[in-house]
Amino acid sequence: MIARGMTNPEIAAELFISAHTIKSNINRIFAKTGSADRAAAIRYARDHNLG
């Protein structure tokens, strides 16, 4: 969903969870992948065949 350019509120609405939960999960993704932003996280996912 991040790679599709969806915003946190859009992702939250599609998954029926809060935008705060999305933000927390994205921050965890950044920490675990060493990514500074969404573009870096997308690059990491593609480099590791995760998406």
Protein backbone atom coordinates (compact mmCIF):
# COMPACT_ATOMS: atom_id res chain seq x y z
CA MET A 1 0.00 0.00 0.00
CA ILE A 2 2.91 2.30 0.69
CA ALA A 3 4.35 1.43 -2.72
CA ARG A 4 0.99 2.28 -4.30
CA GLY A 5 1.36 5.79 -2.88
CA MET A 6 -1.41 5.48 -0.32
CA THR A 7 -1.41 7.87 2.62
CA ASN A 8 -1.67 6.73 6.23
CA PRO A 9 -5.37 7.66 6.43
CA GLU A 10 -6.09 5.83 3.17
CA ILE A 11 -4.32 2.69 4.40
CA ALA A 12 -6.13 2.92 7.73
CA ALA A 13 -9.51 3.20 6.03
CA GLU A 14 -8.83 0.22 3.77
CA LEU A 15 -7.68 -1.94 6.71
CA PHE A 16 -10.30 -0.64 9.16
CA ILE A 17 -7.70 0.43 11.74
CA SER A 18 -6.59 3.81 13.05
CA ALA A 19 -4.17 6.11 11.26
CA HIS A 20 -2.11 6.12 14.46
CA THR A 21 -1.69 2.33 14.19
CA ILE A 22 -0.55 2.71 10.58
CA LYS A 23 1.96 5.38 11.57
CA SER A 24 3.34 3.15 14.34
CA ASN A 25 3.67 0.18 12.00
CA ILE A 26 5.36 2.24 9.29
CA ASN A 27 7.82 3.59 11.84
CA ARG A 28 8.61 -0.01 12.85
CA ILE A 29 9.17 -0.88 9.20
CA PHE A 30 11.58 2.07 8.90
CA ALA A 31 13.48 0.95 12.01
CA LYS A 32 13.73 -2.70 10.98
CA THR A 33 14.82 -1.92 7.43
CA GLY A 34 17.05 1.03 8.27
CA SER A 35 14.93 3.20 6.00
CA ALA A 36 14.72 6.95 6.44
CA ASP A 37 11.52 7.38 4.44
CA ARG A 38 8.83 5.65 2.41
CA ALA A 39 10.94 5.59 -0.76
CA ALA A 40 13.78 3.81 1.04
CA ALA A 41 11.36 1.29 2.56
CA ILE A 42 9.91 0.57 -0.89
CA ARG A 43 13.40 0.15 -2.31
CA TYR A 44 14.28 -2.25 0.54
CA ALA A 45 11.13 -4.30 -0.08
CA ARG A 46 11.81 -4.55 -3.80
CA ASP A 47 15.50 -5.40 -3.28
CA HIS A 48 14.49 -8.22 -0.95
CA ASN A 49 11.56 -9.47 -3.07
CA LEU A 50 9.01 -8.53 -0.40
CA GLY A 51 6.50 -6.80 -2.56
